[in-house]
């Protein structure tokens, strides 16, 4: 009996160490009422649901526990709304028609600021692409379009690369570093080691490089490179 009580006490102690989080959300979009809200994390190469809720009268609450801060995705129905960090504390989410705002905890505040900066650069790229389309429609020749717009597009793209790389490097040792790096990898059509990816990994600590998703990408990139060389 004494041994059982000791085991029970140890289990309760471990449970008390789990960090609790609560996501409080709101939205003025009436069409979202009744929609299922879910939080999903990557597990074994697929998305696993770790918490759920329901939008009711423009409000929802999702609660859960974690051992340590980790990146996740917030879904409404089957659609990804935002990436979010599950960390101890109260996380706020405001789903506006024209904007998405989240924060309330340190890492989520930091992630939101990063996305705002990145979105600003991506909007600039879209404006350049729109200008390119308008010039093409108006009969401007391709050489002139390239001379006017290509340098500007490369400049903005380079700024986005620097922003993303520096953000990941400054967060090697928390959930944001791996989380944003995995987002970068997911944009790749094939698993290849680009100069940006190699730059990030060159200075990364072992714990970062040994994360299962980062390690798997490196293995896949090596295999893809070998297959490409054999095909030549």
Protein backbone atom coordinates (compact mmCIF):
# COMPACT_ATOMS: atom_id res chain seq x y z
CA UNK A 1 0.00 0.00 0.00
CA UNK A 2 2.83 2.35 0.84
CA UNK A 3 4.44 1.69 -2.58
CA UNK A 4 1.13 2.43 -4.35
CA UNK A 5 0.80 5.78 -2.55
CA UNK A 6 4.33 6.74 -3.59
CA UNK A 7 3.54 5.95 -7.25
CA UNK A 8 0.28 7.89 -7.04
CA UNK A 9 2.07 10.91 -5.56
CA UNK A 10 4.64 10.80 -8.36
CA UNK A 11 1.89 10.71 -11.00
CA UNK A 12 0.09 13.66 -9.40
CA UNK A 13 3.34 15.60 -9.24
CA UNK A 14 3.96 15.03 -12.95
CA UNK A 15 0.40 16.11 -13.75
CA UNK A 16 0.82 19.30 -11.75
CA UNK A 17 3.91 20.16 -13.84
CA UNK A 18 1.85 20.27 -17.05
CA UNK A 19 1.38 23.80 -18.30
CA UNK A 20 -2.19 24.97 -18.90
CA UNK A 21 -3.22 27.21 -21.76
CA UNK A 22 -6.50 28.85 -22.67
CA UNK A 23 -7.35 30.37 -26.03
CA UNK A 24 -10.06 33.02 -25.87
CA UNK A 25 -11.35 33.95 -29.32
CA UNK A 26 -13.84 36.39 -30.77
CA UNK A 27 -15.23 37.22 -34.20
CA UNK A 28 -17.76 39.61 -35.67
CA UNK A 29 -18.27 37.31 -38.68
CA UNK A 30 -21.75 35.86 -38.09
CA UNK A 31 -21.18 33.04 -40.60
CA UNK A 32 -18.67 31.48 -38.21
CA UNK A 33 -21.24 30.83 -35.47
CA UNK A 34 -21.65 27.12 -34.86
CA UNK A 35 -18.32 26.30 -36.51
CA UNK A 36 -15.97 23.83 -34.84
CA UNK A 37 -12.71 25.31 -33.57
CA UNK A 38 -9.77 22.95 -33.28
CA UNK A 39 -6.10 23.17 -32.43
CA UNK A 40 -3.82 20.76 -34.29
CA UNK A 41 -0.14 19.90 -34.01
CA UNK A 42 2.12 17.88 -36.30
CA UNK A 43 2.48 14.34 -35.01
CA UNK A 44 3.96 11.41 -36.95
CA UNK A 45 3.84 13.28 -40.28
CA UNK A 46 0.18 14.23 -39.89
CA UNK A 47 -1.96 16.73 -38.01
CA UNK A 48 -3.34 15.61 -34.66
CA UNK A 49 -6.14 17.46 -32.85
CA UNK A 50 -5.21 18.36 -29.28
CA UNK A 51 -8.11 20.64 -28.31
CA UNK A 52 -11.51 21.68 -29.65
CA UNK A 53 -14.26 24.22 -29.09
CA UNK A 54 -17.23 25.79 -30.84
CA UNK A 55 -17.88 29.33 -32.03
CA UNK A 56 -21.05 30.56 -30.29
CA UNK A 57 -22.36 34.12 -30.42
CA UNK A 58 -19.02 35.32 -31.75
CA UNK A 59 -16.97 33.74 -28.96
CA UNK A 60 -15.03 30.54 -28.38
CA UNK A 61 -12.78 29.07 -25.70
CA UNK A 62 -10.27 26.26 -26.13
CA UNK A 63 -8.33 24.81 -23.21
CA UNK A 64 -5.57 22.29 -22.88
CA UNK A 65 -2.30 21.24 -21.27
CA UNK A 66 1.23 20.98 -22.62
CA UNK A 67 4.59 19.88 -21.28
CA UNK A 68 6.43 22.66 -23.11
CA UNK A 69 5.64 25.41 -25.62
CA UNK A 70 4.96 24.09 -29.09
CA UNK A 71 3.76 25.40 -32.45
CA UNK A 72 0.26 24.50 -33.59
CA UNK A 73 -2.39 25.58 -36.07
CA UNK A 74 -5.82 26.99 -35.24
CA UNK A 75 -8.57 25.64 -37.49
CA UNK A 76 -12.13 26.74 -38.13
CA UNK A 77 -13.84 23.74 -39.63
CA UNK A 78 -11.33 22.29 -42.09
CA UNK A 79 -9.53 25.58 -42.76
CA UNK A 80 -6.29 26.72 -41.14
CA UNK A 81 -6.76 30.20 -39.72
CA UNK A 82 -3.47 31.03 -38.03
CA UNK A 83 -0.32 29.39 -36.67
CA UNK A 84 -0.27 29.72 -32.91
CA UNK A 85 2.04 28.85 -30.03
CA UNK A 86 0.60 26.65 -27.32
CA UNK A 87 2.23 28.00 -24.21
CA UNK A 88 1.24 28.54 -20.61
CA UNK A 89 -1.19 31.41 -20.14
CA UNK A 90 -4.19 33.03 -21.80
CA UNK A 91 -3.95 33.46 -25.56
CA UNK A 92 -6.26 35.93 -27.29
CA UNK A 93 -7.47 35.61 -30.88
CA UNK A 94 -9.54 38.21 -32.76
CA UNK A 95 -10.84 36.95 -36.10
CA UNK A 96 -11.70 40.10 -38.01
CA UNK A 97 -12.96 40.14 -41.57
CA UNK A 98 -10.01 42.25 -42.73
CA UNK A 99 -7.34 41.12 -40.29
CA UNK A 100 -6.37 38.42 -37.83
CA UNK A 101 -4.89 39.44 -34.50
CA UNK A 102 -3.53 37.13 -31.82
CA UNK A 103 -1.33 37.47 -28.76
CA UNK A 104 -1.65 37.56 -24.99
CA UNK A 105 1.45 35.47 -24.32
CA UNK A 106 5.10 36.26 -25.02
CA UNK A 107 5.78 33.88 -27.91
CA UNK A 108 2.43 34.57 -29.58
CA UNK A 109 3.01 38.31 -29.42
CA UNK A 110 6.41 37.77 -31.04
CA UNK A 111 4.99 35.46 -33.72
CA UNK A 112 2.24 37.94 -34.57
CA UNK A 113 4.74 40.78 -35.03
CA UNK A 114 6.83 38.57 -37.33
CA UNK A 115 3.82 37.74 -39.48
CA UNK A 116 2.81 41.40 -39.70
CA UNK A 117 6.28 42.29 -40.98
CA UNK A 118 6.35 39.36 -43.39
CA UNK A 119 2.84 40.10 -44.66
CA UNK A 120 3.85 43.70 -45.38
CA UNK A 121 6.67 42.47 -47.63
CA UNK A 122 4.43 39.91 -49.32
CA UNK A 123 1.87 42.65 -50.01
CA UNK A 124 4.63 44.63 -51.70
CA UNK A 125 5.41 41.62 -53.91
CA UNK A 126 1.74 41.28 -54.81
CA UNK A 127 1.62 44.97 -55.74
CA UNK A 128 4.61 44.50 -58.05
CA UNK A 129 3.00 41.44 -59.64
CA UNK A 130 -0.20 43.42 -60.14
CA UNK A 131 1.81 46.19 -61.78
CA UNK A 132 3.49 43.61 -64.02
CA UNK A 133 0.09 42.31 -65.14
CA UNK A 134 -1.22 45.81 -65.83
CA UNK A 135 1.87 46.69 -67.88
CA UNK A 136 1.50 43.47 -69.89
CA UNK A 137 -2.18 44.18 -70.59
CA UNK A 138 -1.27 47.70 -71.70
CA UNK A 139 1.18 46.33 -74.25
CA UNK A 140 4.47 47.14 -72.54
CA UNK A 141 7.20 44.83 -73.86
CA UNK A 142 8.70 42.13 -71.62
CA UNK A 143 12.20 43.62 -71.56
CA UNK A 144 10.92 46.97 -70.31
CA UNK A 145 8.80 45.26 -67.66
CA UNK A 146 11.79 43.27 -66.43
CA UNK A 147 13.99 46.35 -66.30
CA UNK A 148 11.44 48.25 -64.25
CA UNK A 149 10.15 45.58 -61.92
CA UNK A 150 12.55 42.64 -61.62
CA UNK A 151 15.13 44.48 -59.52
CA UNK A 152 12.43 45.75 -57.15
CA UNK A 153 10.92 42.28 -56.82
CA UNK A 154 14.33 40.76 -56.04
CA UNK A 155 14.97 43.49 -53.47
CA UNK A 156 11.70 42.80 -51.61
CA UNK A 157 12.22 39.01 -51.81
CA UNK A 158 15.71 39.43 -50.33
CA UNK A 159 14.25 41.45 -47.45
CA UNK A 160 11.76 38.68 -46.74
CA UNK A 161 14.53 36.08 -46.74
CA UNK A 162 16.62 38.15 -44.33
CA UNK A 163 13.59 38.72 -42.05
CA UNK A 164 12.76 35.01 -41.92
CA UNK A 165 16.36 33.84 -41.51
CA UNK A 166 17.16 36.30 -38.73
CA UNK A 167 13.91 35.46 -36.93
CA UNK A 168 14.62 31.72 -36.97
CA UNK A 169 18.23 32.24 -35.83
CA UNK A 170 17.13 34.44 -32.93
CA UNK A 171 14.71 31.70 -31.82
CA UNK A 172 16.86 28.60 -32.22
CA UNK A 173 16.17 27.67 -28.60
CA UNK A 174 12.39 28.08 -28.40
CA UNK A 175 9.29 26.84 -30.22
CA UNK A 176 9.28 29.72 -32.71
CA UNK A 177 12.58 28.78 -34.36
CA UNK A 178 11.64 25.26 -35.40
CA UNK A 179 8.02 26.29 -36.03
CA UNK A 180 8.83 29.02 -38.55
CA UNK A 181 11.61 26.92 -40.08
CA UNK A 182 9.14 24.08 -40.73
CA UNK A 183 6.79 26.63 -42.35
CA UNK A 184 9.66 27.66 -44.61
CA UNK A 185 10.36 24.03 -45.52
CA UNK A 186 6.67 23.41 -46.30
CA UNK A 187 6.87 26.02 -49.07
CA UNK A 188 9.49 23.99 -50.92
CA UNK A 189 8.24 22.05 -53.93
CA UNK A 190 10.99 19.48 -53.43
CA UNK A 191 13.24 18.72 -50.41
CA UNK A 192 16.33 20.65 -51.47
CA UNK A 193 18.99 22.49 -49.49
CA UNK A 194 18.72 26.08 -50.64
CA UNK A 195 21.37 28.64 -49.61
CA UNK A 196 18.89 30.08 -47.09
CA UNK A 197 18.19 26.68 -45.50
CA UNK A 198 21.91 25.81 -45.41
CA UNK A 199 22.66 29.18 -43.78
CA UNK A 200 20.10 28.52 -41.05
CA UNK A 201 21.36 25.00 -40.36
CA UNK A 202 25.05 25.94 -40.41
CA UNK A 203 24.81 27.95 -37.20
CA UNK A 204 21.93 26.02 -35.61
CA UNK A 205 22.55 24.16 -32.32
CA UNK A 206 22.32 20.37 -32.29
CA UNK A 207 18.96 20.38 -30.53
CA UNK A 208 17.50 22.37 -33.42
CA UNK A 209 19.04 20.16 -36.12
CA UNK A 210 17.97 17.00 -34.32
CA UNK A 211 14.31 18.01 -34.10
CA UNK A 212 12.45 15.19 -35.84
CA UNK A 213 10.90 17.40 -38.56
CA UNK A 214 14.17 19.23 -39.27
CA UNK A 215 16.15 15.99 -39.27
CA UNK A 216 13.66 14.31 -41.61
CA UNK A 217 13.89 17.18 -44.10
CA UNK A 218 17.67 16.93 -44.14
CA UNK A 219 17.44 13.18 -44.76
CA UNK A 220 14.85 13.67 -47.52
CA UNK A 221 16.96 16.40 -49.13
CA UNK A 222 20.03 14.14 -49.12
CA UNK A 223 18.05 11.30 -50.69
CA UNK A 224 16.53 13.61 -53.30
CA UNK A 225 19.97 14.96 -54.21
CA UNK A 226 21.35 11.43 -54.60
CA UNK A 227 18.42 10.45 -56.83
CA UNK A 228 18.95 13.55 -58.98
CA UNK A 229 22.63 12.75 -59.40
CA UNK A 230 21.83 9.17 -60.44
CA UNK A 231 19.34 10.43 -63.00
CA UNK A 232 21.96 12.56 -64.76
